[in-house]
N, C-alpha and C. Protein backbone atom coordinates (compact mmCIF):
# COMPACT_ATOMS: atom_id res chain seq x y z
N MET A 1 0.89 -1.26 0.04
CA MET A 1 -0.13 0.01 -0.13
C MET A 1 0.89 1.30 -0.09
N SER A 2 0.76 2.16 -1.00
CA SER A 2 1.32 3.31 -0.93
C SER A 2 0.82 4.44 0.20
N LYS A 3 1.84 5.27 0.59
CA LYS A 3 1.44 6.36 1.52
C LYS A 3 1.71 7.71 1.03
N HIS A 4 0.92 8.52 1.45
CA HIS A 4 1.01 9.76 1.09
C HIS A 4 1.81 10.73 2.19
N CYS A 5 2.63 11.55 2.21
CA CYS A 5 3.30 12.34 3.01
C CYS A 5 2.84 13.63 2.86
N PHE A 6 2.55 14.27 4.17
CA PHE A 6 2.20 15.61 4.26
C PHE A 6 3.06 16.48 4.87
N ALA A 7 3.49 17.52 4.59
CA ALA A 7 4.44 18.45 5.33
C ALA A 7 3.55 19.19 6.33
N THR A 8 4.12 19.41 7.49
CA THR A 8 3.46 20.04 8.56
C THR A 8 4.41 21.00 9.47
N ASN A 9 3.93 21.50 10.37
CA ASN A 9 4.61 22.42 11.23
C ASN A 9 5.33 21.74 12.56
N ALA A 10 6.32 22.15 13.26
CA ALA A 10 6.98 21.86 14.37
C ALA A 10 5.96 21.27 15.48
N GLU A 11 4.97 21.86 15.72
CA GLU A 11 4.03 21.60 16.91
C GLU A 11 3.35 20.35 16.58
N THR A 12 2.96 19.93 15.26
CA THR A 12 2.32 18.87 14.98
C THR A 12 3.19 17.78 15.21
N LEU A 13 4.63 17.91 14.60
CA LEU A 13 5.49 16.83 15.02
C LEU A 13 5.84 16.54 16.37
N LEU A 14 5.95 17.51 17.12
CA LEU A 14 6.04 17.37 18.69
C LEU A 14 5.01 16.64 19.22
N VAL A 15 3.76 16.89 19.00
CA VAL A 15 2.65 16.20 19.28
C VAL A 15 2.77 14.66 19.02
N LEU A 16 3.14 14.54 17.66
CA LEU A 16 3.09 13.37 17.14
C LEU A 16 4.25 12.45 17.90
N ALA A 17 5.27 13.01 18.05
CA ALA A 17 6.43 12.36 18.93
C ALA A 17 5.88 12.06 20.25
N TRP A 18 5.43 12.94 20.83
CA TRP A 18 4.69 12.65 22.25
C TRP A 18 3.79 11.45 22.28
N ALA A 19 2.78 11.68 21.33
CA ALA A 19 1.57 10.54 21.20
C ALA A 19 2.31 9.17 20.81
N ALA A 20 3.41 9.15 20.13
CA ALA A 20 3.83 7.87 19.88
C ALA A 20 4.38 7.01 20.74
N ARG A 21 4.84 7.96 21.92
CA ARG A 21 5.33 7.23 23.18
C ARG A 21 4.20 6.93 24.37
N GLN A 22 2.87 7.36 24.02
CA GLN A 22 1.92 7.05 25.04
C GLN A 22 1.40 5.71 24.82
N ALA A 23 1.45 4.87 25.81
CA ALA A 23 0.92 3.56 25.80
C ALA A 23 -0.62 3.66 25.72
N GLY A 24 -1.25 2.80 24.67
CA GLY A 24 -2.53 2.76 24.60
C GLY A 24 -3.23 3.82 23.81
N LEU A 25 -2.47 4.88 23.43
CA LEU A 25 -3.04 5.93 22.74
C LEU A 25 -3.36 5.49 21.04
N ARG A 26 -2.42 4.75 20.66
CA ARG A 26 -2.71 4.21 19.10
C ARG A 26 -3.72 3.31 19.04
N GLU A 27 -3.84 2.63 20.09
CA GLU A 27 -4.99 1.56 20.33
C GLU A 27 -6.30 2.33 20.43
N ALA A 28 -6.42 3.34 21.14
CA ALA A 28 -7.54 4.16 21.31
C ALA A 28 -7.91 4.81 19.96
N LEU A 29 -6.91 5.00 19.42
CA LEU A 29 -7.29 5.80 17.97
C LEU A 29 -7.64 4.84 17.02
N LEU A 30 -7.09 3.47 17.02
CA LEU A 30 -7.61 2.53 16.13
C LEU A 30 -8.91 1.90 16.45
N ASP A 31 -9.44 1.94 17.72
CA ASP A 31 -10.85 1.76 18.07
C ASP A 31 -11.71 2.60 17.33
N ASP A 32 -11.53 3.73 16.90
CA ASP A 32 -12.22 4.80 16.26
C ASP A 32 -11.61 4.45 14.79
N ASN A 33 -11.71 3.59 14.03
CA ASN A 33 -11.07 3.09 12.92
C ASN A 33 -11.39 4.02 11.69
N ALA A 34 -12.57 4.43 11.61
CA ALA A 34 -12.88 5.35 10.24
C ALA A 34 -11.74 6.46 10.05
N PRO A 35 -11.30 6.35 8.86
CA PRO A 35 -10.01 7.21 8.43
C PRO A 35 -10.48 8.67 8.56
N GLY A 36 -11.92 9.13 8.37
CA GLY A 36 -12.01 10.47 8.48
C GLY A 36 -12.73 10.93 9.86
N LYS A 37 -12.69 10.05 10.68
CA LYS A 37 -13.21 10.38 12.01
C LYS A 37 -12.32 11.41 12.75
N GLU A 38 -13.08 12.43 13.33
CA GLU A 38 -12.03 13.19 14.00
C GLU A 38 -11.48 12.68 15.37
N CYS A 39 -10.12 12.96 15.41
CA CYS A 39 -9.36 12.28 16.51
C CYS A 39 -8.94 13.44 17.31
N GLU A 40 -9.38 14.70 17.20
CA GLU A 40 -8.91 15.78 17.91
C GLU A 40 -9.49 15.75 19.41
N PRO A 41 -10.68 15.50 19.64
CA PRO A 41 -11.09 15.49 20.98
C PRO A 41 -10.29 14.38 21.86
N LEU A 42 -10.00 13.26 21.22
CA LEU A 42 -9.24 12.14 21.96
C LEU A 42 -7.93 12.64 22.27
N LEU A 43 -7.29 13.16 21.33
CA LEU A 43 -5.74 13.73 21.62
C LEU A 43 -5.83 14.75 22.64
N ARG A 44 -6.90 15.65 22.35
CA ARG A 44 -6.69 16.89 23.56
C ARG A 44 -7.02 16.41 24.95
N ASN A 45 -7.83 15.31 25.01
CA ASN A 45 -7.94 14.71 26.26
C ASN A 45 -6.79 14.19 26.89
N TRP A 46 -6.07 13.39 26.14
CA TRP A 46 -4.84 12.85 26.45
C TRP A 46 -3.83 13.77 26.76
N LEU A 47 -3.80 15.08 26.04
CA LEU A 47 -2.85 15.85 26.46
C LEU A 47 -3.37 16.63 27.68
N GLU A 48 -4.34 16.88 28.09
CA GLU A 48 -4.89 17.57 29.32
C GLU A 48 -4.55 16.58 30.38
N LYS A 49 -4.66 15.31 30.17
CA LYS A 49 -4.26 14.37 31.43
C LYS A 49 -2.72 14.34 31.52
N ALA A 50 -1.96 14.53 30.47
CA ALA A 50 -0.59 14.44 30.55
C ALA A 50 -0.05 15.76 31.26
N LEU A 51 -0.56 16.96 31.15
CA LEU A 51 -0.11 18.20 31.64
C LEU A 51 -1.27 18.82 32.51
N PRO A 52 -1.38 18.32 33.76
CA PRO A 52 -2.53 18.88 34.53
C PRO A 52 -2.40 20.41 34.73
N GLN A 53 -3.50 20.84 35.25
CA GLN A 53 -3.53 22.42 35.64
C GLN A 53 -2.57 22.70 36.84
N GLN A 54 -2.24 21.76 37.63
CA GLN A 54 -1.37 22.19 38.58
C GLN A 54 0.07 22.75 38.13
N VAL A 55 0.49 22.28 37.24
CA VAL A 55 1.74 22.72 36.73
C VAL A 55 1.78 24.29 36.37
N PHE A 56 0.70 24.85 35.99
CA PHE A 56 0.61 26.31 35.72
C PHE A 56 0.44 26.95 37.00
N GLU A 57 -0.30 26.47 37.92
CA GLU A 57 -0.66 26.97 39.14
C GLU A 57 0.56 27.17 40.06
N GLN A 58 1.80 26.15 40.09
CA GLN A 58 2.67 26.14 40.84
C GLN A 58 3.65 27.41 40.55
N ASN A 59 3.37 28.09 39.52
CA ASN A 59 4.29 29.39 39.33
C ASN A 59 3.36 30.56 39.06
N PRO A 60 3.09 31.14 40.31
CA PRO A 60 2.25 32.17 40.34
C PRO A 60 2.36 33.56 39.48
N PRO A 61 3.72 33.95 39.21
CA PRO A 61 3.80 35.16 38.43
C PRO A 61 3.80 34.68 36.86
N TYR A 62 4.25 33.60 36.48
CA TYR A 62 4.42 33.33 35.17
C TYR A 62 3.36 32.18 34.60
N GLY A 63 2.74 31.40 35.36
CA GLY A 63 1.78 30.41 35.34
C GLY A 63 0.93 30.69 34.21
N PRO A 64 0.10 31.80 34.32
CA PRO A 64 -1.06 32.19 33.32
C PRO A 64 -0.41 32.52 31.98
N CYS A 65 0.62 32.94 31.97
CA CYS A 65 1.53 33.30 30.53
C CYS A 65 1.89 31.96 29.98
N PHE A 66 2.52 31.05 30.73
CA PHE A 66 2.89 29.89 30.34
C PHE A 66 1.60 29.00 29.78
N GLU A 67 0.60 29.19 30.58
CA GLU A 67 -0.76 28.36 30.09
C GLU A 67 -1.33 28.96 28.74
N ARG A 68 -1.35 30.27 28.57
CA ARG A 68 -1.63 30.75 27.30
C ARG A 68 -0.78 30.35 26.25
N LEU A 69 0.51 30.34 26.42
CA LEU A 69 1.53 30.08 25.17
C LEU A 69 1.15 28.56 25.02
N TYR A 70 1.04 27.62 26.03
CA TYR A 70 1.03 26.34 25.76
C TYR A 70 -0.35 26.05 24.98
N THR A 71 -1.54 26.68 25.32
CA THR A 71 -2.81 26.63 24.68
C THR A 71 -2.61 27.13 23.24
N TRP A 72 -1.96 28.31 22.98
CA TRP A 72 -1.76 28.85 21.67
C TRP A 72 -1.13 27.82 20.72
N ARG A 73 0.07 27.18 21.19
CA ARG A 73 0.86 26.26 20.46
C ARG A 73 0.29 24.94 20.26
N LEU A 74 -0.83 24.69 21.09
CA LEU A 74 -1.76 23.36 20.74
C LEU A 74 -2.75 23.76 19.69
N GLU A 75 -2.84 25.00 19.46
CA GLU A 75 -4.08 25.48 18.50
C GLU A 75 -3.31 25.33 17.32
N GLN A 76 -1.88 25.37 17.14
CA GLN A 76 -1.16 25.14 15.88
C GLN A 76 -1.13 23.70 15.20
N VAL A 77 -1.34 22.92 16.06
CA VAL A 77 -1.46 21.43 15.84
C VAL A 77 -2.43 20.80 14.78
N GLU A 78 -1.89 20.20 13.80
CA GLU A 78 -2.98 19.73 12.93
C GLU A 78 -3.34 18.18 13.45
N TYR A 79 -4.26 18.07 14.25
CA TYR A 79 -4.75 16.99 14.84
C TYR A 79 -4.98 15.86 13.86
N SER A 80 -5.53 16.26 12.51
CA SER A 80 -5.84 15.15 11.69
C SER A 80 -4.77 14.47 11.11
N LEU A 81 -3.54 15.21 10.87
CA LEU A 81 -2.40 14.67 10.44
C LEU A 81 -1.77 13.69 11.58
N VAL A 82 -1.88 14.15 12.85
CA VAL A 82 -1.25 13.26 13.96
C VAL A 82 -2.26 11.74 14.09
N GLY A 83 -3.64 12.19 13.95
CA GLY A 83 -4.41 10.79 13.93
C GLY A 83 -3.88 9.87 12.71
N TRP A 84 -3.87 10.59 11.56
CA TRP A 84 -3.51 9.84 10.24
C TRP A 84 -2.23 8.99 10.48
N ALA A 85 -1.19 9.82 11.09
CA ALA A 85 0.18 9.05 11.18
C ALA A 85 0.00 7.85 12.24
N MET A 86 -0.62 8.20 13.14
CA MET A 86 -0.75 7.26 14.29
C MET A 86 -1.38 6.04 13.98
N ARG A 87 -2.67 6.34 13.03
CA ARG A 87 -3.33 5.04 12.54
C ARG A 87 -2.60 4.43 11.50
N ASP A 88 -1.52 5.07 11.04
CA ASP A 88 -0.75 4.58 9.80
C ASP A 88 -1.40 4.58 8.53
N TYR A 89 -2.10 5.67 8.29
CA TYR A 89 -2.83 6.10 6.99
C TYR A 89 -1.81 6.80 5.92
N HIS A 90 -1.25 7.85 6.80
CA HIS A 90 -0.20 8.69 6.04
C HIS A 90 1.09 9.00 6.77
N ALA A 91 1.90 9.70 6.15
CA ALA A 91 3.35 9.81 7.08
C ALA A 91 3.24 11.63 6.96
N VAL A 92 4.13 12.10 7.88
CA VAL A 92 4.26 13.46 7.89
C VAL A 92 5.59 13.69 7.94
N SER A 93 5.91 15.00 7.52
CA SER A 93 7.46 15.61 7.35
C SER A 93 7.37 16.91 7.86
N TYR A 94 8.47 17.40 8.35
CA TYR A 94 8.77 18.85 8.67
C TYR A 94 8.67 19.75 7.49
N ASN A 95 7.98 20.76 7.48
CA ASN A 95 7.91 21.65 6.34
C ASN A 95 8.88 22.92 6.65
């Protein structure tokens, strides 16, 4: 089977690298086996569990700034490409 390769940004590759190391995440994505199925809610849920709110609350002067920066960077992620790569439908590369 031939694979298509999509160019993407650094944020997407970082989330893909993180996701590849999470035990059970690929299986959870494969349970929703439809290629067009939206995987963003599942991936965001796993990301929220990986970095709990207490991380930002431990640093009172800078915590809110770090949280906004983290949230903004997550908005740059192309979750569909992460899902496709994790399900082995497509490959991704850095653009």
